[in-house]
Amino acid sequence: IARVRMHMKQFNSIHNPGSNTHQAS
């Protein structure tokens, strides 16, 4: 499923990892 969505520019992930300083975000 992730590989199929890799070609998309905007909707390629459902996860926002946050920043290096705020992993909780």
PDB file of all heavy atoms in Angstrom:
ATOM      1  N   ILE A   1       0.843  -1.198   0.000  1.00  0.00           N
ATOM      2  CA  ILE A   1       0.000   0.000   0.000  1.00  0.00           C
ATOM      3  C   ILE A   1       0.877   1.247   0.000  1.00  0.00           C
ATOM      4  O   ILE A   1       0.636   2.194  -0.750  1.00  0.00           O
ATOM      5  CB  ILE A   1      -0.953   0.002   1.218  1.00  0.00           C
ATOM      6  CG1 ILE A   1      -2.005  -1.100   1.057  1.00  0.00           C
ATOM      7  CG2 ILE A   1      -1.626   1.357   1.395  1.00  0.00           C
ATOM      8  CD1 ILE A   1      -2.808  -1.372   2.313  1.00  0.00           C
ATOM      9  N   ALA A   2       1.916   1.256   0.828  1.00  0.00           N
ATOM     10  CA  ALA A   2       2.824   2.409   0.880  1.00  0.00           C
ATOM     11  C   ALA A   2       3.530   2.598  -0.461  1.00  0.00           C
ATOM     12  O   ALA A   2       3.701   3.723  -0.930  1.00  0.00           O
ATOM     13  CB  ALA A   2       3.845   2.227   1.999  1.00  0.00           C
ATOM     14  N   ARG A   3       3.922   1.521  -1.113  1.00  0.00           N
ATOM     15  CA  ARG A   3       4.621   1.606  -2.397  1.00  0.00           C
ATOM     16  C   ARG A   3       3.701   2.178  -3.484  1.00  0.00           C
ATOM     17  O   ARG A   3       4.127   2.961  -4.318  1.00  0.00           O
ATOM     18  CB  ARG A   3       5.139   0.226  -2.800  1.00  0.00           C
ATOM     19  CG  ARG A   3       6.120   0.250  -3.930  1.00  0.00           C
ATOM     20  CD  ARG A   3       6.789  -1.090  -4.250  1.00  0.00           C
ATOM     21  NE  ARG A   3       6.191  -2.303  -3.750  1.00  0.00           N
ATOM     22  CZ  ARG A   3       6.606  -2.952  -2.641  1.00  0.00           C
ATOM     23  NH1 ARG A   3       7.617  -2.488  -1.939  1.00  0.00           N
ATOM     24  NH2 ARG A   3       6.010  -4.061  -2.257  1.00  0.00           N
ATOM     25  N   VAL A   4       2.446   1.819  -3.461  1.00  0.00           N
ATOM     26  CA  VAL A   4       1.490   2.331  -4.446  1.00  0.00           C
ATOM     27  C   VAL A   4       1.339   3.838  -4.306  1.00  0.00           C
ATOM     28  O   VAL A   4       1.222   4.558  -5.298  1.00  0.00           O
ATOM     29  CB  VAL A   4       0.119   1.625  -4.286  1.00  0.00           C
ATOM     30  CG1 VAL A   4      -0.954   2.332  -5.067  1.00  0.00           C
ATOM     31  CG2 VAL A   4       0.218   0.176  -4.719  1.00  0.00           C
ATOM     32  N   ARG A   5       1.377   4.347  -3.067  1.00  0.00           N
ATOM     33  CA  ARG A   5       1.163   5.778  -2.848  1.00  0.00           C
ATOM     34  C   ARG A   5       2.436   6.601  -2.961  1.00  0.00           C
ATOM     35  O   ARG A   5       2.385   7.818  -2.868  1.00  0.00           O
ATOM     36  CB  ARG A   5       0.538   5.987  -1.472  1.00  0.00           C
ATOM     37  CG  ARG A   5      -0.874   5.433  -1.460  1.00  0.00           C
ATOM     38  CD  ARG A   5      -1.779   5.944  -0.391  1.00  0.00           C
ATOM     39  NE  ARG A   5      -1.280   6.912   0.502  1.00  0.00           N
ATOM     40  CZ  ARG A   5      -1.413   6.840   1.827  1.00  0.00           C
ATOM     41  NH1 ARG A   5      -2.008   5.818   2.358  1.00  0.00           N
ATOM     42  NH2 ARG A   5      -0.955   7.793   2.598  1.00  0.00           N
ATOM     43  N   MET A   6       3.593   5.982  -3.191  1.00  0.00           N
ATOM     44  CA  MET A   6       4.849   6.719  -3.248  1.00  0.00           C
ATOM     45  C   MET A   6       4.898   7.708  -4.405  1.00  0.00           C
ATOM     46  O   MET A   6       5.570   8.735  -4.314  1.00  0.00           O
ATOM     47  CB  MET A   6       6.036   5.758  -3.339  1.00  0.00           C
ATOM     48  CG  MET A   6       6.359   5.097  -2.018  1.00  0.00           C
ATOM     49  SD  MET A   6       7.652   3.880  -2.134  1.00  0.00           S
ATOM     50  CE  MET A   6       9.023   4.855  -2.682  1.00  0.00           C
ATOM     51  N   HIS A   7       4.195   7.435  -5.512  1.00  0.00           N
ATOM     52  CA  HIS A   7       4.238   8.334  -6.659  1.00  0.00           C
ATOM     53  C   HIS A   7       3.410   9.605  -6.435  1.00  0.00           C
ATOM     54  O   HIS A   7       3.534  10.559  -7.177  1.00  0.00           O
ATOM     55  CB  HIS A   7       3.760   7.610  -7.918  1.00  0.00           C
ATOM     56  CG  HIS A   7       2.284   7.396  -7.965  1.00  0.00           C
ATOM     57  ND1 HIS A   7       1.670   6.385  -7.267  1.00  0.00           N
ATOM     58  CD2 HIS A   7       1.303   8.077  -8.598  1.00  0.00           C
ATOM     59  CE1 HIS A   7       0.364   6.449  -7.465  1.00  0.00           C
ATOM     60  NE2 HIS A   7       0.111   7.457  -8.270  1.00  0.00           N
ATOM     61  N   MET A   8       2.598   9.618  -5.419  1.00  0.00           N
ATOM     62  CA  MET A   8       1.793  10.804  -5.140  1.00  0.00           C
ATOM     63  C   MET A   8       2.672  11.899  -4.532  1.00  0.00           C
ATOM     64  O   MET A   8       3.611  11.616  -3.794  1.00  0.00           O
ATOM     65  CB  MET A   8       0.647  10.455  -4.194  1.00  0.00           C
ATOM     66  CG  MET A   8      -0.311   9.447  -4.789  1.00  0.00           C
ATOM     67  SD  MET A   8      -1.658   9.092  -3.682  1.00  0.00           S
ATOM     68  CE  MET A   8      -2.935   9.969  -4.528  1.00  0.00           C
ATOM     69  N   LYS A   9       2.375  13.124  -4.862  1.00  0.00           N
ATOM     70  CA  LYS A   9       3.167  14.248  -4.372  1.00  0.00           C
ATOM     71  C   LYS A   9       2.678  14.733  -3.010  1.00  0.00           C
ATOM     72  O   LYS A   9       3.460  15.099  -2.155  1.00  0.00           O
ATOM     73  CB  LYS A   9       3.120  15.384  -5.385  1.00  0.00           C
ATOM     74  CG  LYS A   9       3.777  15.048  -6.705  1.00  0.00           C
ATOM     75  CD  LYS A   9       3.519  16.159  -7.718  1.00  0.00           C
ATOM     76  CE  LYS A   9       4.066  15.806  -9.073  1.00  0.00           C
ATOM     77  NZ  LYS A   9       3.324  14.788  -9.776  1.00  0.00           N
ATOM     78  N   GLN A  10       1.384  14.732  -2.821  1.00  0.00           N
ATOM     79  CA  GLN A  10       0.813  15.312  -1.613  1.00  0.00           C
ATOM     80  C   GLN A  10       0.297  14.259  -0.628  1.00  0.00           C
ATOM     81  O   GLN A  10       0.448  14.408   0.568  1.00  0.00           O
ATOM     82  CB  GLN A  10      -0.328  16.249  -2.006  1.00  0.00           C
ATOM     83  CG  GLN A  10      -0.929  16.988  -0.858  1.00  0.00           C
ATOM     84  CD  GLN A  10      -2.015  17.922  -1.308  1.00  0.00           C
ATOM     85  OE1 GLN A  10      -2.372  17.959  -2.472  1.00  0.00           O
ATOM     86  NE2 GLN A  10      -2.555  18.684  -0.397  1.00  0.00           N
ATOM     87  N   PHE A  11      -0.303  13.215  -1.123  1.00  0.00           N
ATOM     88  CA  PHE A  11      -0.949  12.227  -0.248  1.00  0.00           C
ATOM     89  C   PHE A  11      -0.120  10.953  -0.124  1.00  0.00           C
ATOM     90  O   PHE A  11      -0.656   9.854  -0.137  1.00  0.00           O
ATOM     91  CB  PHE A  11      -2.341  11.879  -0.777  1.00  0.00           C
ATOM     92  CG  PHE A  11      -3.235  13.065  -0.942  1.00  0.00           C
ATOM     93  CD1 PHE A  11      -3.769  13.380  -2.170  1.00  0.00           C
ATOM     94  CD2 PHE A  11      -3.532  13.888   0.132  1.00  0.00           C
ATOM     95  CE1 PHE A  11      -4.598  14.470  -2.336  1.00  0.00           C
ATOM     96  CE2 PHE A  11      -4.360  14.986  -0.022  1.00  0.00           C
ATOM     97  CZ  PHE A  11      -4.884  15.272  -1.255  1.00  0.00           C
ATOM     98  N   ASN A  12       1.183  11.080   0.023  1.00  0.00           N
ATOM     99  CA  ASN A  12       2.028   9.887   0.048  1.00  0.00           C
ATOM    100  C   ASN A  12       2.230   9.320   1.445  1.00  0.00           C
ATOM    101  O   ASN A  12       2.855   8.283   1.598  1.00  0.00           O
ATOM    102  CB  ASN A  12       3.376  10.163  -0.623  1.00  0.00           C
ATOM    103  CG  ASN A  12       4.130  11.295   0.040  1.00  0.00           C
ATOM    104  OD1 ASN A  12       3.675  11.845   1.019  1.00  0.00           O
ATOM    105  ND2 ASN A  12       5.264  11.630  -0.523  1.00  0.00           N
ATOM    106  N   SER A  13       1.717   9.974   2.478  1.00  0.00           N
ATOM    107  CA  SER A  13       1.900   9.445   3.825  1.00  0.00           C
ATOM    108  C   SER A  13       0.724   9.828   4.716  1.00  0.00           C
ATOM    109  O   SER A  13       0.135  10.902   4.570  1.00  0.00           O
ATOM    110  CB  SER A  13       3.196   9.989   4.427  1.00  0.00           C
ATOM    111  OG  SER A  13       3.376   9.480   5.731  1.00  0.00           O
ATOM    112  N   ILE A  14       0.416   8.963   5.652  1.00  0.00           N
ATOM    113  CA  ILE A  14      -0.615   9.267   6.646  1.00  0.00           C
ATOM    114  C   ILE A  14       0.031   9.554   7.996  1.00  0.00           C
ATOM    115  O   ILE A  14      -0.634   9.828   8.965  1.00  0.00           O
ATOM    116  CB  ILE A  14      -1.639   8.118   6.784  1.00  0.00           C
ATOM    117  CG1 ILE A  14      -0.956   6.818   7.170  1.00  0.00           C
ATOM    118  CG2 ILE A  14      -2.438   7.969   5.517  1.00  0.00           C
ATOM    119  CD1 ILE A  14      -1.888   5.688   7.488  1.00  0.00           C
ATOM    120  N   HIS A  15       1.375   9.511   8.030  1.00  0.00           N
ATOM    121  CA  HIS A  15       2.113   9.720   9.265  1.00  0.00           C
ATOM    122  C   HIS A  15       2.942  10.994   9.164  1.00  0.00           C
ATOM    123  O   HIS A  15       3.671  11.199   8.207  1.00  0.00           O
ATOM    124  CB  HIS A  15       3.039   8.525   9.514  1.00  0.00           C
ATOM    125  CG  HIS A  15       3.869   8.672  10.750  1.00  0.00           C
ATOM    126  ND1 HIS A  15       5.211   8.962  10.703  1.00  0.00           N
ATOM    127  CD2 HIS A  15       3.547   8.595  12.059  1.00  0.00           C
ATOM    128  CE1 HIS A  15       5.684   9.044  11.930  1.00  0.00           C
ATOM    129  NE2 HIS A  15       4.693   8.830  12.764  1.00  0.00           N
ATOM    130  N   ASN A  16       2.795  11.854  10.163  1.00  0.00           N
ATOM    131  CA  ASN A  16       3.631  13.046  10.272  1.00  0.00           C
ATOM    132  C   ASN A  16       4.588  12.785  11.419  1.00  0.00           C
ATOM    133  O   ASN A  16       4.171  12.741  12.575  1.00  0.00           O
ATOM    134  CB  ASN A  16       2.770  14.279  10.543  1.00  0.00           C
ATOM    135  CG  ASN A  16       3.595  15.534  10.682  1.00  0.00           C
ATOM    136  OD1 ASN A  16       4.809  15.521  10.486  1.00  0.00           O
ATOM    137  ND2 ASN A  16       2.937  16.614  11.027  1.00  0.00           N
ATOM    138  N   PRO A  17       5.883  12.584  11.137  1.00  0.00           N
ATOM    139  CA  PRO A  17       6.816  12.168  12.183  1.00  0.00           C
ATOM    140  C   PRO A  17       7.117  13.235  13.231  1.00  0.00           C
ATOM    141  O   PRO A  17       7.730  12.938  14.243  1.00  0.00           O
ATOM    142  CB  PRO A  17       8.080  11.807  11.402  1.00  0.00           C
ATOM    143  CG  PRO A  17       7.987  12.564  10.137  1.00  0.00           C
ATOM    144  CD  PRO A  17       6.509  12.711   9.835  1.00  0.00           C
ATOM    145  N   GLY A  18       6.705  14.473  13.032  1.00  0.00           N
ATOM    146  CA  GLY A  18       7.054  15.532  13.973  1.00  0.00           C
ATOM    147  C   GLY A  18       8.455  16.032  13.682  1.00  0.00           C
ATOM    148  O   GLY A  18       9.027  15.766  12.632  1.00  0.00           O
ATOM    149  N   SER A  19       9.035  16.725  14.622  1.00  0.00           N
ATOM    150  CA  SER A  19      10.387  17.251  14.429  1.00  0.00           C
ATOM    151  C   SER A  19      11.381  16.473  15.279  1.00  0.00           C
ATOM    152  O   SER A  19      11.000  15.679  16.141  1.00  0.00           O
ATOM    153  CB  SER A  19      10.430  18.733  14.795  1.00  0.00           C
ATOM    154  OG  SER A  19      10.182  18.884  16.184  1.00  0.00           O
ATOM    155  N   ASN A  20      12.660  16.723  15.045  1.00  0.00           N
ATOM    156  CA  ASN A  20      13.698  16.030  15.820  1.00  0.00           C
ATOM    157  C   ASN A  20      13.632  16.397  17.295  1.00  0.00           C
ATOM    158  O   ASN A  20      13.967  15.590  18.149  1.00  0.00           O
ATOM    159  CB  ASN A  20      15.085  16.367  15.265  1.00  0.00           C
ATOM    160  CG  ASN A  20      15.319  15.735  13.917  1.00  0.00           C
ATOM    161  OD1 ASN A  20      14.683  14.737  13.581  1.00  0.00           O
ATOM    162  ND2 ASN A  20      16.205  16.313  13.124  1.00  0.00           N
ATOM    163  N   THR A  21      13.216  17.608  17.594  1.00  0.00           N
ATOM    164  CA  THR A  21      13.154  18.046  18.991  1.00  0.00           C
ATOM    165  C   THR A  21      11.839  17.693  19.661  1.00  0.00           C
ATOM    166  O   THR A  21      11.765  17.617  20.871  1.00  0.00           O
ATOM    167  CB  THR A  21      13.376  19.569  19.087  1.00  0.00           C
ATOM    168  OG1 THR A  21      12.393  20.227  18.290  1.00  0.00           O
ATOM    169  CG2 THR A  21      14.780  19.941  18.616  1.00  0.00           C
ATOM    170  N   HIS A  22      10.777  17.485  18.874  1.00  0.00           N
ATOM    171  CA  HIS A  22       9.456  17.180  19.437  1.00  0.00           C
ATOM    172  C   HIS A  22       8.900  15.893  18.835  1.00  0.00           C
ATOM    173  O   HIS A  22       7.988  15.920  18.024  1.00  0.00           O
ATOM    174  CB  HIS A  22       8.473  18.336  19.178  1.00  0.00           C
ATOM    175  CG  HIS A  22       8.827  19.595  19.882  1.00  0.00           C
ATOM    176  ND1 HIS A  22       9.653  20.537  19.339  1.00  0.00           N
ATOM    177  CD2 HIS A  22       8.478  20.041  21.120  1.00  0.00           C
ATOM    178  CE1 HIS A  22       9.796  21.536  20.184  1.00  0.00           C
ATOM    179  NE2 HIS A  22       9.097  21.256  21.276  1.00  0.00           N
ATOM    180  N   GLN A  23       9.454  14.763  19.222  1.00  0.00           N
ATOM    181  CA  GLN A  23       8.973  13.483  18.717  1.00  0.00           C
ATOM    182  C   GLN A  23       7.538  13.222  19.151  1.00  0.00           C
ATOM    183  O   GLN A  23       6.800  12.509  18.481  1.00  0.00           O
ATOM    184  CB  GLN A  23       9.872  12.342  19.201  1.00  0.00           C
ATOM    185  CG  GLN A  23      11.263  12.366  18.588  1.00  0.00           C
ATOM    186  CD  GLN A  23      11.231  12.102  17.099  1.00  0.00           C
ATOM    187  OE1 GLN A  23      10.451  11.296  16.632  1.00  0.00           O
ATOM    188  NE2 GLN A  23      12.075  12.792  16.359  1.00  0.00           N
ATOM    189  N   ALA A  24       7.133  13.815  20.259  1.00  0.00           N
ATOM    190  CA  ALA A  24       5.765  13.607  20.757  1.00  0.00           C
ATOM    191  C   ALA A  24       4.736  14.271  19.849  1.00  0.00           C
ATOM    192  O   ALA A  24       3.547  13.988  19.950  1.00  0.00           O
ATOM    193  CB  ALA A  24       5.639  14.134  22.177  1.00  0.00           C
ATOM    194  N   SER A  25       5.180  15.167  18.958  1.00  0.00           N
ATOM    195  CA  SER A  25       4.227  15.837  18.074  1.00  0.00           C
ATOM    196  C   SER A  25       3.913  15.013  16.830  1.00  0.00           C
ATOM    197  O   SER A  25       3.227  15.485  15.937  1.00  0.00           O
ATOM    198  CB  SER A  25       4.773  17.210  17.666  1.00  0.00           C
ATOM    199  OG  SER A  25       5.942  17.056  16.876  1.00  0.00           O
TER     200      SER A  25
END
